[in-house]
Amino acid sequence: MAPGSQAVKAELVSDNRTRTMRPVDLVHLAKQCLGDEALELEVLRLFDTTIRDYYGRLKLATNAEDVALLLHSIKGASGGVGAWAISDLAKAIEQEVRDGLPLTQERIDDLGLVVGDVRDFIGRMVADEVI
């Protein structure tokens, strides 16, 4: 085996999902909505409201149980629409909290950055909607 080929192989199989450069994986979303573009836009609108509310609640959470529930909800909702950056970061933070690490303002802000990117993307998609 050529030097370095093991690392390349490990990198290729490390994540089965294809990560897009867009904040929302539109191929994943289309599959979830069975190709119905109107449904995709409605799902994005609902997700935008949901992620805004969940993230807002996370910033105000005062106990570990609420933090864990909100992170899990954020992870699930974002994975459902293909917002992988949010889902992956929420999963990592959820694991950190489970491991006993405190939820720091820096980690909340990190999540806020990706939430903002996704919400901006959704806003542009919805604004471009042809009625």
C-alpha atoms as a PDB file:
ATOM      1  CA  MET A   1       0.000   0.000   0.000  1.00  0.00           C
ATOM      2  CA  ALA A   2       1.373   3.415  -0.967  1.00  0.00           C
ATOM      3  CA  PRO A   3       2.399   5.765   1.845  1.00  0.00           C
ATOM      4  CA  GLY A   4      -0.475   8.012   2.812  1.00  0.00           C
ATOM      5  CA  SER A   5      -3.128   5.920   1.069  1.00  0.00           C
ATOM      6  CA  GLN A   6      -4.446   4.686   4.418  1.00  0.00           C
ATOM      7  CA  ALA A   7      -5.150   8.269   5.491  1.00  0.00           C
ATOM      8  CA  VAL A   8      -6.980   8.999   2.254  1.00  0.00           C
ATOM      9  CA  LYS A   9      -9.077   5.866   2.659  1.00  0.00           C
ATOM     10  CA  ALA A  10      -9.930   6.777   6.265  1.00  0.00           C
ATOM     11  CA  GLU A  11     -10.905  10.277   5.183  1.00  0.00           C
ATOM     12  CA  LEU A  12     -13.212   8.961   2.464  1.00  0.00           C
ATOM     13  CA  VAL A  13     -15.088   6.624   4.781  1.00  0.00           C
ATOM     14  CA  SER A  14     -15.144   8.891   7.817  1.00  0.00           C
ATOM     15  CA  ASP A  15     -18.528  10.362   6.882  1.00  0.00           C
ATOM     16  CA  ASN A  16     -21.023   8.617   4.639  1.00  0.00           C
ATOM     17  CA  ARG A  17     -23.099  11.757   4.031  1.00  0.00           C
ATOM     18  CA  THR A  18     -21.924  14.186   1.416  1.00  0.00           C
ATOM     19  CA  ARG A  19     -21.486  17.603   2.900  1.00  0.00           C
ATOM     20  CA  THR A  20     -22.480  20.460   0.677  1.00  0.00           C
ATOM     21  CA  MET A  21     -21.025  23.942   0.666  1.00  0.00           C
ATOM     22  CA  ARG A  22     -24.514  25.358   1.180  1.00  0.00           C
ATOM     23  CA  PRO A  23     -25.829  25.777   4.720  1.00  0.00           C
ATOM     24  CA  VAL A  24     -28.726  23.433   3.844  1.00  0.00           C
ATOM     25  CA  ASP A  25     -28.249  20.247   1.851  1.00  0.00           C
ATOM     26  CA  LEU A  26     -30.922  20.804  -0.785  1.00  0.00           C
ATOM     27  CA  VAL A  27     -30.609  17.274  -2.156  1.00  0.00           C
ATOM     28  CA  HIS A  28     -31.355  15.850   1.290  1.00  0.00           C
ATOM     29  CA  LEU A  29     -34.242  18.282   1.729  1.00  0.00           C
ATOM     30  CA  ALA A  30     -35.675  17.344  -1.680  1.00  0.00           C
ATOM     31  CA  LYS A  31     -35.559  13.658  -0.740  1.00  0.00           C
ATOM     32  CA  GLN A  32     -37.271  14.383   2.579  1.00  0.00           C
ATOM     33  CA  CYS A  33     -40.011  16.313   0.736  1.00  0.00           C
ATOM     34  CA  LEU A  34     -40.287  13.809  -2.137  1.00  0.00           C
ATOM     35  CA  GLY A  35     -39.273  16.490  -4.634  1.00  0.00           C
ATOM     36  CA  ASP A  36     -42.177  18.818  -3.811  1.00  0.00           C
ATOM     37  CA  GLU A  37     -40.601  22.290  -4.063  1.00  0.00           C
ATOM     38  CA  ALA A  38     -43.506  24.054  -2.362  1.00  0.00           C
ATOM     39  CA  LEU A  39     -43.214  21.632   0.547  1.00  0.00           C
ATOM     40  CA  GLU A  40     -39.456  22.235   0.704  1.00  0.00           C
ATOM     41  CA  LEU A  41     -40.027  25.971   1.110  1.00  0.00           C
ATOM     42  CA  GLU A  42     -42.686  25.400   3.759  1.00  0.00           C
ATOM     43  CA  VAL A  43     -40.390  23.040   5.661  1.00  0.00           C
ATOM     44  CA  LEU A  44     -37.607  25.645   5.491  1.00  0.00           C
ATOM     45  CA  ARG A  45     -39.964  28.340   6.821  1.00  0.00           C
ATOM     46  CA  LEU A  46     -41.010  26.092   9.691  1.00  0.00           C
ATOM     47  CA  PHE A  47     -37.421  25.118  10.424  1.00  0.00           C
ATOM     48  CA  ASP A  48     -36.387  28.785  10.439  1.00  0.00           C
ATOM     49  CA  THR A  49     -38.972  29.523  13.138  1.00  0.00           C
ATOM     50  CA  THR A  50     -38.121  26.365  15.060  1.00  0.00           C
ATOM     51  CA  ILE A  51     -34.356  26.918  15.087  1.00  0.00           C
ATOM     52  CA  ARG A  52     -34.820  30.564  16.090  1.00  0.00           C
ATOM     53  CA  ASP A  53     -36.960  29.498  19.050  1.00  0.00           C
ATOM     54  CA  TYR A  54     -34.770  26.568  20.131  1.00  0.00           C
ATOM     55  CA  TYR A  55     -31.577  28.612  19.907  1.00  0.00           C
ATOM     56  CA  GLY A  56     -33.194  31.477  21.824  1.00  0.00           C
ATOM     57  CA  ARG A  57     -34.268  29.069  24.549  1.00  0.00           C
ATOM     58  CA  LEU A  58     -30.787  27.534  24.665  1.00  0.00           C
ATOM     59  CA  LYS A  59     -29.256  30.957  25.315  1.00  0.00           C
ATOM     60  CA  LEU A  60     -31.633  31.361  28.279  1.00  0.00           C
ATOM     61  CA  ALA A  61     -31.425  27.797  29.646  1.00  0.00           C
ATOM     62  CA  THR A  62     -30.392  27.634  33.288  1.00  0.00           C
ATOM     63  CA  ASN A  63     -30.236  23.918  34.027  1.00  0.00           C
ATOM     64  CA  ALA A  64     -28.509  20.917  32.495  1.00  0.00           C
ATOM     65  CA  GLU A  65     -31.752  19.105  31.697  1.00  0.00           C
ATOM     66  CA  ASP A  66     -33.056  22.002  29.575  1.00  0.00           C
ATOM     67  CA  VAL A  67     -29.672  22.397  27.857  1.00  0.00           C
ATOM     68  CA  ALA A  68     -29.561  18.689  26.975  1.00  0.00           C
ATOM     69  CA  LEU A  69     -33.130  18.674  25.671  1.00  0.00           C
ATOM     70  CA  LEU A  70     -32.620  21.806  23.572  1.00  0.00           C
ATOM     71  CA  LEU A  71     -29.335  20.603  22.070  1.00  0.00           C
ATOM     72  CA  HIS A  72     -30.944  17.274  21.191  1.00  0.00           C
ATOM     73  CA  SER A  73     -33.927  19.047  19.622  1.00  0.00           C
ATOM     74  CA  ILE A  74     -31.652  21.367  17.632  1.00  0.00           C
ATOM     75  CA  LYS A  75     -29.620  18.388  16.430  1.00  0.00           C
ATOM     76  CA  GLY A  76     -32.687  16.459  15.301  1.00  0.00           C
ATOM     77  CA  ALA A  77     -34.500  19.339  13.635  1.00  0.00           C
ATOM     78  CA  SER A  78     -31.424  20.475  11.729  1.00  0.00           C
ATOM     79  CA  GLY A  79     -30.563  16.949  10.616  1.00  0.00           C
ATOM     80  CA  GLY A  80     -34.077  16.534   9.274  1.00  0.00           C
ATOM     81  CA  VAL A  81     -33.694  19.412   6.826  1.00  0.00           C
ATOM     82  CA  GLY A  82     -30.021  18.828   6.014  1.00  0.00           C
ATOM     83  CA  ALA A  83     -28.536  21.712   8.004  1.00  0.00           C
ATOM     84  CA  TRP A  84     -25.504  19.556   8.774  1.00  0.00           C
ATOM     85  CA  ALA A  85     -23.308  22.272  10.279  1.00  0.00           C
ATOM     86  CA  ILE A  86     -25.906  22.957  12.968  1.00  0.00           C
ATOM     87  CA  SER A  87     -26.618  19.270  13.505  1.00  0.00           C
ATOM     88  CA  ASP A  88     -22.943  18.310  13.789  1.00  0.00           C
ATOM     89  CA  LEU A  89     -22.092  21.171  16.146  1.00  0.00           C
ATOM     90  CA  ALA A  90     -25.141  20.542  18.340  1.00  0.00           C
ATOM     91  CA  LYS A  91     -24.158  16.864  18.488  1.00  0.00           C
ATOM     92  CA  ALA A  92     -20.606  17.756  19.545  1.00  0.00           C
ATOM     93  CA  ILE A  93     -21.797  20.206  22.203  1.00  0.00           C
ATOM     94  CA  GLU A  94     -24.387  17.694  23.412  1.00  0.00           C
ATOM     95  CA  GLN A  95     -21.604  15.130  23.888  1.00  0.00           C
ATOM     96  CA  GLU A  96     -19.427  17.685  25.715  1.00  0.00           C
ATOM     97  CA  VAL A  97     -22.277  18.430  28.119  1.00  0.00           C
ATOM     98  CA  ARG A  98     -22.927  14.702  28.580  1.00  0.00           C
ATOM     99  CA  ASP A  99     -19.220  14.287  29.396  1.00  0.00           C
ATOM    100  CA  GLY A 100     -19.581  16.851  32.167  1.00  0.00           C
ATOM    101  CA  LEU A 101     -18.099  19.877  30.455  1.00  0.00           C
ATOM    102  CA  PRO A 102     -19.890  23.170  31.060  1.00  0.00           C
ATOM    103  CA  LEU A 103     -21.761  24.855  28.238  1.00  0.00           C
ATOM    104  CA  THR A 104     -19.718  28.000  27.698  1.00  0.00           C
ATOM    105  CA  GLN A 105     -20.807  31.247  26.101  1.00  0.00           C
ATOM    106  CA  GLU A 106     -18.189  30.615  23.415  1.00  0.00           C
ATOM    107  CA  ARG A 107     -19.865  27.324  22.399  1.00  0.00           C
ATOM    108  CA  ILE A 108     -23.293  28.981  22.401  1.00  0.00           C
ATOM    109  CA  ASP A 109     -21.871  31.723  20.170  1.00  0.00           C
ATOM    110  CA  ASP A 110     -20.293  29.117  17.866  1.00  0.00           C
ATOM    111  CA  LEU A 111     -23.695  27.521  17.438  1.00  0.00           C
ATOM    112  CA  GLY A 112     -25.228  30.963  16.935  1.00  0.00           C
ATOM    113  CA  LEU A 113     -22.903  31.624  14.002  1.00  0.00           C
ATOM    114  CA  VAL A 114     -23.976  28.526  12.111  1.00  0.00           C
ATOM    115  CA  VAL A 115     -27.625  29.093  13.030  1.00  0.00           C
ATOM    116  CA  GLY A 116     -27.283  32.605  11.591  1.00  0.00           C
ATOM    117  CA  ASP A 117     -25.731  31.295   8.376  1.00  0.00           C
ATOM    118  CA  VAL A 118     -28.552  28.809   7.887  1.00  0.00           C
ATOM    119  CA  ARG A 119     -31.257  31.338   8.710  1.00  0.00           C
ATOM    120  CA  ASP A 120     -29.731  33.828   6.232  1.00  0.00           C
ATOM    121  CA  PHE A 121     -29.660  31.120   3.563  1.00  0.00           C
ATOM    122  CA  ILE A 122     -33.294  30.208   4.240  1.00  0.00           C
ATOM    123  CA  GLY A 123     -34.259  33.879   4.088  1.00  0.00           C
ATOM    124  CA  ARG A 124     -32.659  34.186   0.646  1.00  0.00           C
ATOM    125  CA  MET A 125     -34.330  30.990  -0.570  1.00  0.00           C
ATOM    126  CA  VAL A 126     -37.761  32.102   0.599  1.00  0.00           C
ATOM    127  CA  ALA A 127     -37.255  35.612  -0.834  1.00  0.00           C
ATOM    128  CA  ASP A 128     -36.408  34.080  -4.229  1.00  0.00           C
ATOM    129  CA  GLU A 129     -39.639  32.050  -4.209  1.00  0.00           C
ATOM    130  CA  VAL A 130     -41.751  32.530  -7.306  1.00  0.00           C
ATOM    131  CA  ILE A 131     -45.396  33.057  -6.373  1.00  0.00           C
END
